[in-house]
Amino acid sequence: MPFSGVVRDASIQRFKYSFEVVWKLLKGHLDRRHGIMCNSPKNCFREALELGLLAQEEVESCLVMTDDRNLTAHTYIEAVAEQIYRRLPKYLVVMKKLIDGITAQVTI
């Protein structure tokens, strides 16, 4: 399938929404389940490392993912859009692992 700017841009938009849901899910989980207050995505991801929800490499990916989320306001710059788009599959894997880890802790 040939490249489509529309698919790229839609994927980035979906990433923005997904990122917000995942980090806020983590924030709520940390607060309710562990009594940990964090007010930024990066802080929450670092706390996830401390609790064993994510490995060091995954947290590093989450920190880059947070930066990419902030850069989505500049996807009118083709190079930025391409850079973020190429990393989306990796971000999906990390977000899914985080959700699965939270789900496992909640059902225990």
PDB file of N, CA and C in Angstrom:
ATOM      1  N   MET A   1       0.857  -1.178   0.000  1.00  0.00           N
ATOM      2  CA  MET A   1       0.000   0.000   0.000  1.00  0.00           C
ATOM      3  C   MET A   1       0.903   1.241   0.000  1.00  0.00           C
ATOM      4  N   PRO A   2       0.667   2.158  -0.888  1.00  0.00           N
ATOM      5  CA  PRO A   2       1.470   3.383  -0.939  1.00  0.00           C
ATOM      6  C   PRO A   2       1.225   4.252   0.300  1.00  0.00           C
ATOM      7  N   PHE A   3       2.234   5.048   0.623  1.00  0.00           N
ATOM      8  CA  PHE A   3       2.138   5.943   1.770  1.00  0.00           C
ATOM      9  C   PHE A   3       1.002   6.937   1.593  1.00  0.00           C
ATOM     10  N   SER A   4       0.335   7.233   2.678  1.00  0.00           N
ATOM     11  CA  SER A   4      -0.744   8.215   2.654  1.00  0.00           C
ATOM     12  C   SER A   4      -0.554   9.193   3.806  1.00  0.00           C
ATOM     13  N   GLY A   5      -0.478  10.464   3.460  1.00  0.00           N
ATOM     14  CA  GLY A   5      -0.383  11.490   4.488  1.00  0.00           C
ATOM     15  C   GLY A   5      -1.609  11.524   5.374  1.00  0.00           C
ATOM     16  N   VAL A   6      -2.745  11.163   4.814  1.00  0.00           N
ATOM     17  CA  VAL A   6      -3.983  11.150   5.598  1.00  0.00           C
ATOM     18  C   VAL A   6      -3.911  10.064   6.675  1.00  0.00           C
ATOM     19  N   VAL A   7      -3.430   8.881   6.307  1.00  0.00           N
ATOM     20  CA  VAL A   7      -3.298   7.797   7.276  1.00  0.00           C
ATOM     21  C   VAL A   7      -2.280   8.182   8.354  1.00  0.00           C
ATOM     22  N   ARG A   8      -1.181   8.755   7.958  1.00  0.00           N
ATOM     23  CA  ARG A   8      -0.170   9.200   8.919  1.00  0.00           C
ATOM     24  C   ARG A   8      -0.764  10.195   9.901  1.00  0.00           C
ATOM     25  N   ASP A   9      -1.430  11.201   9.382  1.00  0.00           N
ATOM     26  CA  ASP A   9      -1.982  12.243  10.244  1.00  0.00           C
ATOM     27  C   ASP A   9      -3.083  11.701  11.161  1.00  0.00           C
ATOM     28  N   ALA A  10      -3.907  10.802  10.632  1.00  0.00           N
ATOM     29  CA  ALA A  10      -4.950  10.187  11.458  1.00  0.00           C
ATOM     30  C   ALA A  10      -4.335   9.313  12.550  1.00  0.00           C
ATOM     31  N   SER A  11      -3.264   8.613  12.206  1.00  0.00           N
ATOM     32  CA  SER A  11      -2.577   7.770  13.192  1.00  0.00           C
ATOM     33  C   SER A  11      -1.987   8.618  14.309  1.00  0.00           C
ATOM     34  N   ILE A  12      -1.420   9.744  13.968  1.00  0.00           N
ATOM     35  CA  ILE A  12      -0.857  10.642  14.970  1.00  0.00           C
ATOM     36  C   ILE A  12      -1.963  11.199  15.860  1.00  0.00           C
ATOM     37  N   GLN A  13      -3.083  11.539  15.278  1.00  0.00           N
ATOM     38  CA  GLN A  13      -4.215  12.039  16.069  1.00  0.00           C
ATOM     39  C   GLN A  13      -4.707  10.968  17.035  1.00  0.00           C
ATOM     40  N   ARG A  14      -4.817   9.741  16.560  1.00  0.00           N
ATOM     41  CA  ARG A  14      -5.242   8.633  17.416  1.00  0.00           C
ATOM     42  C   ARG A  14      -4.226   8.425  18.544  1.00  0.00           C
ATOM     43  N   PHE A  15      -2.938   8.552  18.212  1.00  0.00           N
ATOM     44  CA  PHE A  15      -1.886   8.436  19.217  1.00  0.00           C
ATOM     45  C   PHE A  15      -2.074   9.481  20.314  1.00  0.00           C
ATOM     46  N   LYS A  16      -2.378  10.719  19.935  1.00  0.00           N
ATOM     47  CA  LYS A  16      -2.580  11.779  20.930  1.00  0.00           C
ATOM     48  C   LYS A  16      -3.660  11.393  21.928  1.00  0.00           C
ATOM     49  N   TYR A  17      -4.797  10.928  21.424  1.00  0.00           N
ATOM     50  CA  TYR A  17      -5.906  10.545  22.300  1.00  0.00           C
ATOM     51  C   TYR A  17      -5.527   9.352  23.166  1.00  0.00           C
ATOM     52  N   SER A  18      -4.886   8.367  22.560  1.00  0.00           N
ATOM     53  CA  SER A  18      -4.498   7.159  23.297  1.00  0.00           C
ATOM     54  C   SER A  18      -3.498   7.483  24.392  1.00  0.00           C
ATOM     55  N   PHE A  19      -2.541   8.326  24.079  1.00  0.00           N
ATOM     56  CA  PHE A  19      -1.547   8.719  25.074  1.00  0.00           C
ATOM     57  C   PHE A  19      -2.224   9.347  26.289  1.00  0.00           C
ATOM     58  N   GLU A  20      -3.144  10.266  26.041  1.00  0.00           N
ATOM     59  CA  GLU A  20      -3.825  10.945  27.146  1.00  0.00           C
ATOM     60  C   GLU A  20      -4.589   9.954  28.019  1.00  0.00           C
ATOM     61  N   VAL A  21      -5.268   9.015  27.395  1.00  0.00           N
ATOM     62  CA  VAL A  21      -6.033   8.025  28.155  1.00  0.00           C
ATOM     63  C   VAL A  21      -5.101   7.139  28.981  1.00  0.00           C
ATOM     64  N   VAL A  22      -4.003   6.689  28.381  1.00  0.00           N
ATOM     65  CA  VAL A  22      -3.103   5.772  29.073  1.00  0.00           C
ATOM     66  C   VAL A  22      -2.412   6.442  30.253  1.00  0.00           C
ATOM     67  N   TRP A  23      -1.898   7.632  30.065  1.00  0.00           N
ATOM     68  CA  TRP A  23      -1.186   8.237  31.196  1.00  0.00           C
ATOM     69  C   TRP A  23      -2.151   8.629  32.305  1.00  0.00           C
ATOM     70  N   LYS A  24      -3.368   9.013  31.954  1.00  0.00           N
ATOM     71  CA  LYS A  24      -4.346   9.351  32.997  1.00  0.00           C
ATOM     72  C   LYS A  24      -4.861   8.091  33.700  1.00  0.00           C
ATOM     73  N   LEU A  25      -4.943   6.986  32.978  1.00  0.00           N
ATOM     74  CA  LEU A  25      -5.250   5.704  33.612  1.00  0.00           C
ATOM     75  C   LEU A  25      -4.166   5.359  34.627  1.00  0.00           C
ATOM     76  N   LEU A  26      -2.917   5.499  34.221  1.00  0.00           N
ATOM     77  CA  LEU A  26      -1.794   5.237  35.119  1.00  0.00           C
ATOM     78  C   LEU A  26      -1.837   6.172  36.327  1.00  0.00           C
ATOM     79  N   LYS A  27      -2.086   7.426  36.089  1.00  0.00           N
ATOM     80  CA  LYS A  27      -2.161   8.408  37.184  1.00  0.00           C
ATOM     81  C   LYS A  27      -3.223   8.003  38.199  1.00  0.00           C
ATOM     82  N   GLY A  28      -4.403   7.641  37.721  1.00  0.00           N
ATOM     83  CA  GLY A  28      -5.477   7.221  38.612  1.00  0.00           C
ATOM     84  C   GLY A  28      -5.138   5.938  39.355  1.00  0.00           C
ATOM     85  N   HIS A  29      -4.515   5.003  38.662  1.00  0.00           N
ATOM     86  CA  HIS A  29      -4.120   3.736  39.283  1.00  0.00           C
ATOM     87  C   HIS A  29      -3.089   3.969  40.386  1.00  0.00           C
ATOM     88  N   LEU A  30      -2.104   4.800  40.094  1.00  0.00           N
ATOM     89  CA  LEU A  30      -1.077   5.092  41.094  1.00  0.00           C
ATOM     90  C   LEU A  30      -1.687   5.739  42.337  1.00  0.00           C
ATOM     91  N   ASP A  31      -2.623   6.617  42.132  1.00  0.00           N
ATOM     92  CA  ASP A  31      -3.260   7.308  43.244  1.00  0.00           C
ATOM     93  C   ASP A  31      -4.148   6.357  44.049  1.00  0.00           C
ATOM     94  N   ARG A  32      -5.069   5.674  43.376  1.00  0.00           N
ATOM     95  CA  ARG A  32      -6.054   4.855  44.076  1.00  0.00           C
ATOM     96  C   ARG A  32      -5.471   3.571  44.653  1.00  0.00           C
ATOM     97  N   ARG A  33      -4.612   2.924  43.908  1.00  0.00           N
ATOM     98  CA  ARG A  33      -4.098   1.611  44.326  1.00  0.00           C
ATOM     99  C   ARG A  33      -2.850   1.724  45.207  1.00  0.00           C
ATOM    100  N   HIS A  34      -2.025   2.751  44.953  1.00  0.00           N
ATOM    101  CA  HIS A  34      -0.742   2.831  45.638  1.00  0.00           C
ATOM    102  C   HIS A  34      -0.557   4.106  46.464  1.00  0.00           C
ATOM    103  N   GLY A  35      -1.510   5.026  46.413  1.00  0.00           N
ATOM    104  CA  GLY A  35      -1.390   6.271  47.171  1.00  0.00           C
ATOM    105  C   GLY A  35      -0.286   7.190  46.672  1.00  0.00           C
ATOM    106  N   ILE A  36       0.062   7.063  45.403  1.00  0.00           N
ATOM    107  CA  ILE A  36       1.133   7.870  44.809  1.00  0.00           C
ATOM    108  C   ILE A  36       0.509   8.974  43.964  1.00  0.00           C
ATOM    109  N   MET A  37       0.838  10.196  44.295  1.00  0.00           N
ATOM    110  CA  MET A  37       0.340  11.334  43.525  1.00  0.00           C
ATOM    111  C   MET A  37       1.403  11.755  42.514  1.00  0.00           C
ATOM    112  N   CYS A  38       1.031  11.836  41.257  1.00  0.00           N
ATOM    113  CA  CYS A  38       1.932  12.369  40.234  1.00  0.00           C
ATOM    114  C   CYS A  38       1.092  13.222  39.297  1.00  0.00           C
ATOM    115  N   ASN A  39       1.661  14.307  38.860  1.00  0.00           N
ATOM    116  CA  ASN A  39       0.895  15.261  38.060  1.00  0.00           C
ATOM    117  C   ASN A  39       1.387  15.431  36.644  1.00  0.00           C
ATOM    118  N   SER A  40       2.381  14.644  36.263  1.00  0.00           N
ATOM    119  CA  SER A  40       2.858  14.745  34.883  1.00  0.00           C
ATOM    120  C   SER A  40       3.054  13.342  34.338  1.00  0.00           C
ATOM    121  N   PRO A  41       2.929  13.188  33.035  1.00  0.00           N
ATOM    122  CA  PRO A  41       3.128  11.867  32.448  1.00  0.00           C
ATOM    123  C   PRO A  41       4.505  11.288  32.764  1.00  0.00           C
ATOM    124  N   LYS A  42       5.540  12.083  32.640  1.00  0.00           N
ATOM    125  CA  LYS A  42       6.888  11.559  32.874  1.00  0.00           C
ATOM    126  C   LYS A  42       7.051  11.066  34.305  1.00  0.00           C
ATOM    127  N   ASN A  43       6.532  11.809  35.255  1.00  0.00           N
ATOM    128  CA  ASN A  43       6.599  11.383  36.647  1.00  0.00           C
ATOM    129  C   ASN A  43       5.838  10.069  36.846  1.00  0.00           C
ATOM    130  N   CYS A  44       4.669   9.950  36.246  1.00  0.00           N
ATOM    131  CA  CYS A  44       3.876   8.725  36.368  1.00  0.00           C
ATOM    132  C   CYS A  44       4.605   7.530  35.760  1.00  0.00           C
ATOM    133  N   PHE A  45       5.241   7.719  34.614  1.00  0.00           N
ATOM    134  CA  PHE A  45       5.972   6.617  33.998  1.00  0.00           C
ATOM    135  C   PHE A  45       7.156   6.195  34.861  1.00  0.00           C
ATOM    136  N   ARG A  46       7.809   7.140  35.491  1.00  0.00           N
ATOM    137  CA  ARG A  46       8.916   6.799  36.398  1.00  0.00           C
ATOM    138  C   ARG A  46       8.417   6.010  37.608  1.00  0.00           C
ATOM    139  N   GLU A  47       7.252   6.374  38.099  1.00  0.00           N
ATOM    140  CA  GLU A  47       6.649   5.627  39.201  1.00  0.00           C
ATOM    141  C   GLU A  47       6.285   4.209  38.758  1.00  0.00           C
ATOM    142  N   ALA A  48       5.844   4.061  37.514  1.00  0.00           N
ATOM    143  CA  ALA A  48       5.512   2.731  36.986  1.00  0.00           C
ATOM    144  C   ALA A  48       6.740   1.827  37.003  1.00  0.00           C
ATOM    145  N   LEU A  49       7.912   2.395  36.773  1.00  0.00           N
ATOM    146  CA  LEU A  49       9.161   1.638  36.863  1.00  0.00           C
ATOM    147  C   LEU A  49       9.374   1.152  38.291  1.00  0.00           C
ATOM    148  N   GLU A  50       9.193   2.039  39.249  1.00  0.00           N
ATOM    149  CA  GLU A  50       9.400   1.682  40.654  1.00  0.00           C
ATOM    150  C   GLU A  50       8.474   0.559  41.105  1.00  0.00           C
ATOM    151  N   LEU A  51       7.279   0.500  40.520  1.00  0.00           N
ATOM    152  CA  LEU A  51       6.310  -0.527  40.898  1.00  0.00           C
ATOM    153  C   LEU A  51       6.414  -1.788  40.042  1.00  0.00           C
ATOM    154  N   GLY A  52       7.335  -1.782  39.084  1.00  0.00           N
ATOM    155  CA  GLY A  52       7.517  -2.961  38.244  1.00  0.00           C
ATOM    156  C   GLY A  52       6.510  -3.100  37.114  1.00  0.00           C
ATOM    157  N   LEU A  53       5.746  -2.043  36.861  1.00  0.00           N
ATOM    158  CA  LEU A  53       4.800  -2.085  35.747  1.00  0.00           C
ATOM    159  C   LEU A  53       5.510  -1.977  34.404  1.00  0.00           C
ATOM    160  N   LEU A  54       6.639  -1.309  34.386  1.00  0.00           N
ATOM    161  CA  LEU A  54       7.434  -1.128  33.185  1.00  0.00           C
ATOM    162  C   LEU A  54       8.905  -1.363  33.507  1.00  0.00           C
ATOM    163  N   ALA A  55       9.658  -1.824  32.508  1.00  0.00           N
ATOM    164  CA  ALA A  55      11.106  -1.966  32.630  1.00  0.00           C
ATOM    165  C   ALA A  55      11.768  -0.625  32.294  1.00  0.00           C
ATOM    166  N   GLN A  56      13.037  -0.497  32.633  1.00  0.00           N
ATOM    167  CA  GLN A  56      13.772   0.748  32.386  1.00  0.00           C
ATOM    168  C   GLN A  56      13.690   1.171  30.917  1.00  0.00           C
ATOM    169  N   GLU A  57      13.922   0.243  30.007  1.00  0.00           N
ATOM    170  CA  GLU A  57      13.881   0.559  28.577  1.00  0.00           C
ATOM    171  C   GLU A  57      12.499   1.047  28.154  1.00  0.00           C
ATOM    172  N   GLU A  58      11.464   0.459  28.729  1.00  0.00           N
ATOM    173  CA  GLU A  58      10.098   0.877  28.399  1.00  0.00           C
ATOM    174  C   GLU A  58       9.797   2.268  28.944  1.00  0.00           C
ATOM    175  N   VAL A  59      10.311   2.565  30.107  1.00  0.00           N
ATOM    176  CA  VAL A  59      10.124   3.913  30.668  1.00  0.00           C
ATOM    177  C   VAL A  59      10.833   4.933  29.792  1.00  0.00           C
ATOM    178  N   GLU A  60      12.031   4.606  29.348  1.00  0.00           N
ATOM    179  CA  GLU A  60      12.740   5.513  28.451  1.00  0.00           C
ATOM    180  C   GLU A  60      11.933   5.747  27.180  1.00  0.00           C
ATOM    181  N   SER A  61      11.305   4.705  26.665  1.00  0.00           N
ATOM    182  CA  SER A  61      10.438   4.851  25.491  1.00  0.00           C
ATOM    183  C   SER A  61       9.247   5.749  25.824  1.00  0.00           C
ATOM    184  N   CYS A  62       8.702   5.605  27.026  1.00  0.00           N
ATOM    185  CA  CYS A  62       7.572   6.435  27.445  1.00  0.00           C
ATOM    186  C   CYS A  62       7.965   7.902  27.578  1.00  0.00           C
ATOM    187  N   LEU A  63       9.184   8.156  27.996  1.00  0.00           N
ATOM    188  CA  LEU A  63       9.644   9.547  28.108  1.00  0.00           C
ATOM    189  C   LEU A  63       9.762  10.182  26.726  1.00  0.00           C
ATOM    190  N   VAL A  64      10.271   9.420  25.768  1.00  0.00           N
ATOM    191  CA  VAL A  64      10.336   9.908  24.384  1.00  0.00           C
ATOM    192  C   VAL A  64       8.919  10.059  23.833  1.00  0.00           C
ATOM    193  N   MET A  65       8.059   9.099  24.173  1.00  0.00           N
ATOM    194  CA  MET A  65       6.667   9.159  23.728  1.00  0.00           C
ATOM    195  C   MET A  65       5.998  10.432  24.243  1.00  0.00           C
ATOM    196  N   THR A  66       6.294  10.804  25.474  1.00  0.00           N
ATOM    197  CA  THR A  66       5.735  12.040  26.041  1.00  0.00           C
ATOM    198  C   THR A  66       6.219  13.263  25.252  1.00  0.00           C
ATOM    199  N   ASP A  67       7.492  13.265  24.936  1.00  0.00           N
ATOM    200  CA  ASP A  67       8.022  14.366  24.120  1.00  0.00           C
ATOM    201  C   ASP A  67       7.347  14.397  22.751  1.00  0.00           C
ATOM    202  N   ASP A  68       7.156  13.214  22.159  1.00  0.00           N
ATOM    203  CA  ASP A  68       6.480  13.155  20.863  1.00  0.00           C
ATOM    204  C   ASP A  68       5.038  13.632  20.970  1.00  0.00           C
ATOM    205  N   ARG A  69       4.380  13.305  22.070  1.00  0.00           N
ATOM    206  CA  ARG A  69       3.006  13.783  22.264  1.00  0.00           C
ATOM    207  C   ARG A  69       2.993  15.307  22.255  1.00  0.00           C
ATOM    208  N   ASN A  70       3.974  15.903  22.897  1.00  0.00           N
ATOM    209  CA  ASN A  70       4.051  17.361  22.928  1.00  0.00           C
ATOM    210  C   ASN A  70       4.379  17.940  21.556  1.00  0.00           C
ATOM    211  N   LEU A  71       5.099  17.180  20.750  1.00  0.00           N
ATOM    212  CA  LEU A  71       5.451  17.650  19.408  1.00  0.00           C
ATOM    213  C   LEU A  71       4.308  17.518  18.402  1.00  0.00           C
ATOM    214  N   THR A  72       3.245  16.829  18.760  1.00  0.00           N
ATOM    215  CA  THR A  72       2.152  16.646  17.803  1.00  0.00           C
ATOM    216  C   THR A  72       1.510  17.968  17.399  1.00  0.00           C
ATOM    217  N   ALA A  73       1.744  18.993  18.162  1.00  0.00           N
ATOM    218  CA  ALA A  73       1.252  20.326  17.768  1.00  0.00           C
ATOM    219  C   ALA A  73       2.009  20.862  16.563  1.00  0.00           C
ATOM    220  N   HIS A  74       3.120  20.204  16.206  1.00  0.00           N
ATOM    221  CA  HIS A  74       3.965  20.691  15.122  1.00  0.00           C
ATOM    222  C   HIS A  74       4.053  19.703  13.958  1.00  0.00           C
ATOM    223  N   THR A  75       3.039  18.870  13.805  1.00  0.00           N
ATOM    224  CA  THR A  75       3.099  17.878  12.732  1.00  0.00           C
ATOM    225  C   THR A  75       2.884  18.492  11.347  1.00  0.00           C
ATOM    226  N   TYR A  76       2.638  19.775  11.299  1.00  0.00           N
ATOM    227  CA  TYR A  76       2.625  20.448   9.999  1.00  0.00           C
ATOM    228  C   TYR A  76       4.038  20.459   9.412  1.00  0.00           C
ATOM    229  N   ILE A  77       5.025  20.215  10.242  1.00  0.00           N
ATOM    230  CA  ILE A  77       6.403  20.057   9.783  1.00  0.00           C
ATOM    231  C   ILE A  77       6.559  18.584   9.405  1.00  0.00           C
ATOM    232  N   GLU A  78       6.721  18.310   8.127  1.00  0.00           N
ATOM    233  CA  GLU A  78       6.743  16.933   7.625  1.00  0.00           C
ATOM    234  C   GLU A  78       7.735  16.045   8.366  1.00  0.00           C
ATOM    235  N   ALA A  79       8.913  16.544   8.639  1.00  0.00           N
ATOM    236  CA  ALA A  79       9.937  15.726   9.306  1.00  0.00           C
ATOM    237  C   ALA A  79       9.481  15.304  10.701  1.00  0.00           C
ATOM    238  N   VAL A  80       8.812  16.182  11.408  1.00  0.00           N
ATOM    239  CA  VAL A  80       8.301  15.858  12.744  1.00  0.00           C
ATOM    240  C   VAL A  80       7.205  14.806  12.634  1.00  0.00           C
ATOM    241  N   ALA A  81       6.299  14.995  11.708  1.00  0.00           N
ATOM    242  CA  ALA A  81       5.215  14.031  11.520  1.00  0.00           C
ATOM    243  C   ALA A  81       5.764  12.649  11.173  1.00  0.00           C
ATOM    244  N   GLU A  82       6.733  12.597  10.291  1.00  0.00           N
ATOM    245  CA  GLU A  82       7.336  11.319   9.885  1.00  0.00           C
ATOM    246  C   GLU A  82       8.037  10.645  11.062  1.00  0.00           C
ATOM    247  N   GLN A  83       8.752  11.418  11.833  1.00  0.00           N
ATOM    248  CA  GLN A  83       9.488  10.885  12.970  1.00  0.00           C
ATOM    249  C   GLN A  83       8.526  10.255  13.984  1.00  0.00           C
ATOM    250  N   ILE A  84       7.478  10.950  14.312  1.00  0.00           N
ATOM    251  CA  ILE A  84       6.495  10.427  15.258  1.00  0.00           C
ATOM    252  C   ILE A  84       5.808   9.201  14.676  1.00  0.00           C
ATOM    253  N   TYR A  85       5.403   9.272  13.445  1.00  0.00           N
ATOM    254  CA  TYR A  85       4.689   8.164  12.805  1.00  0.00           C
ATOM    255  C   TYR A  85       5.502   6.875  12.826  1.00  0.00           C
ATOM    256  N   ARG A  86       6.786   6.965  12.592  1.00  0.00           N
ATOM    257  CA  ARG A  86       7.648   5.773  12.580  1.00  0.00           C
ATOM    258  C   ARG A  86       7.742   5.114  13.952  1.00  0.00           C
ATOM    259  N   ARG A  87       7.563   5.880  15.018  1.00  0.00           N
ATOM    260  CA  ARG A  87       7.676   5.319  16.365  1.00  0.00           C
ATOM    261  C   ARG A  87       6.345   4.787  16.916  1.00  0.00           C
ATOM    262  N   LEU A  88       5.254   5.027  16.243  1.00  0.00           N
ATOM    263  CA  LEU A  88       3.950   4.628  16.774  1.00  0.00           C
ATOM    264  C   LEU A  88       3.833   3.133  17.081  1.00  0.00           C
ATOM    265  N   PRO A  89       4.338   2.232  16.237  1.00  0.00           N
ATOM    266  CA  PRO A  89       4.213   0.805  16.585  1.00  0.00           C
ATOM    267  C   PRO A  89       4.880   0.452  17.915  1.00  0.00           C
ATOM    268  N   LYS A  90       6.028   1.032  18.197  1.00  0.00           N
ATOM    269  CA  LYS A  90       6.718   0.787  19.463  1.00  0.00           C
ATOM    270  C   LYS A  90       5.899   1.331  20.628  1.00  0.00           C
ATOM    271  N   TYR A  91       5.311   2.500  20.442  1.00  0.00           N
ATOM    272  CA  TYR A  91       4.496   3.098  21.497  1.00  0.00           C
ATOM    273  C   TYR A  91       3.265   2.239  21.791  1.00  0.00           C
ATOM    274  N   LEU A  92       2.687   1.665  20.764  1.00  0.00           N
ATOM    275  CA  LEU A  92       1.525   0.802  20.959  1.00  0.00           C
ATOM    276  C   LEU A  92       1.874  -0.380  21.859  1.00  0.00           C
ATOM    277  N   VAL A  93       3.022  -0.989  21.623  1.00  0.00           N
ATOM    278  CA  VAL A  93       3.456  -2.129  22.426  1.00  0.00           C
ATOM    279  C   VAL A  93       3.625  -1.724  23.896  1.00  0.00           C
ATOM    280  N   VAL A  94       4.262  -0.595  24.128  1.00  0.00           N
ATOM    281  CA  VAL A  94       4.500  -0.137  25.507  1.00  0.00           C
ATOM    282  C   VAL A  94       3.183   0.223  26.190  1.00  0.00           C
ATOM    283  N   MET A  95       2.298   0.915  25.502  1.00  0.00           N
ATOM    284  CA  MET A  95       1.018   1.279  26.104  1.00  0.00           C
ATOM    285  C   MET A  95       0.206   0.036  26.450  1.00  0.00           C
ATOM    286  N   LYS A  96       0.225  -0.949  25.552  1.00  0.00           N
ATOM    287  CA  LYS A  96      -0.510  -2.190  25.816  1.00  0.00           C
ATOM    288  C   LYS A  96       0.059  -2.907  27.029  1.00  0.00           C
ATOM    289  N   LYS A  97       1.380  -2.968  27.156  1.00  0.00           N
ATOM    290  CA  LYS A  97       1.991  -3.620  28.310  1.00  0.00           C
ATOM    291  C   LYS A  97       1.596  -2.915  29.597  1.00  0.00           C
ATOM    292  N   LEU A  98       1.584  -1.597  29.572  1.00  0.00           N
ATOM    293  CA  LEU A  98       1.213  -0.833  30.752  1.00  0.00           C
ATOM    294  C   LEU A  98      -0.242  -1.102  31.145  1.00  0.00           C
ATOM    295  N   ILE A  99      -1.123  -1.099  30.163  1.00  0.00           N
ATOM    296  CA  ILE A  99      -2.541  -1.380  30.441  1.00  0.00           C
ATOM    297  C   ILE A  99      -2.700  -2.786  31.007  1.00  0.00           C
ATOM    298  N   ASP A 100      -2.005  -3.755  30.406  1.00  0.00           N
ATOM    299  CA  ASP A 100      -2.088  -5.134  30.899  1.00  0.00           C
ATOM    300  C   ASP A 100      -1.567  -5.241  32.333  1.00  0.00           C
ATOM    301  N   GLY A 101      -0.495  -4.527  32.649  1.00  0.00           N
ATOM    302  CA  GLY A 101       0.047  -4.555  34.005  1.00  0.00           C
ATOM    303  C   GLY A 101      -0.905  -3.947  35.024  1.00  0.00           C
ATOM    304  N   ILE A 102      -1.531  -2.862  34.651  1.00  0.00           N
ATOM    305  CA  ILE A 102      -2.523  -2.223  35.543  1.00  0.00           C
ATOM    306  C   ILE A 102      -3.702  -3.155  35.739  1.00  0.00           C
ATOM    307  N   THR A 103      -4.169  -3.752  34.658  1.00  0.00           N
ATOM    308  CA  THR A 103      -5.306  -4.680  34.730  1.00  0.00           C
ATOM    309  C   THR A 103      -4.980  -5.850  35.646  1.00  0.00           C
ATOM    310  N   ALA A 104      -3.777  -6.377  35.553  1.00  0.00           N
ATOM    311  CA  ALA A 104      -3.377  -7.501  36.396  1.00  0.00           C
ATOM    312  C   ALA A 104      -3.377  -7.102  37.876  1.00  0.00           C
ATOM    313  N   GLN A 105      -2.930  -5.893  38.180  1.00  0.00           N
ATOM    314  CA  GLN A 105      -2.906  -5.453  39.578  1.00  0.00           C
ATOM    315  C   GLN A 105      -4.308  -5.199  40.116  1.00  0.00           C
ATOM    316  N   VAL A 106      -5.192  -4.745  39.257  1.00  0.00           N
ATOM    317  CA  VAL A 106      -6.546  -4.448  39.691  1.00  0.00           C
ATOM    318  C   VAL A 106      -7.326  -5.723  39.962  1.00  0.00           C
ATOM    319  N   THR A 107      -7.070  -6.761  39.178  1.00  0.00           N
ATOM    320  CA  THR A 107      -7.834  -7.995  39.324  1.00  0.00           C
ATOM    321  C   THR A 107      -7.285  -8.906  40.401  1.00  0.00           C
ATOM    322  N   ILE A 108      -6.176  -8.524  41.007  1.00  0.00           N
ATOM    323  CA  ILE A 108      -5.589  -9.347  42.083  1.00  0.00           C
ATOM    324  C   ILE A 108      -6.349  -9.107  43.363  1.00  0.00           C
TER     325      ILE A 108
END
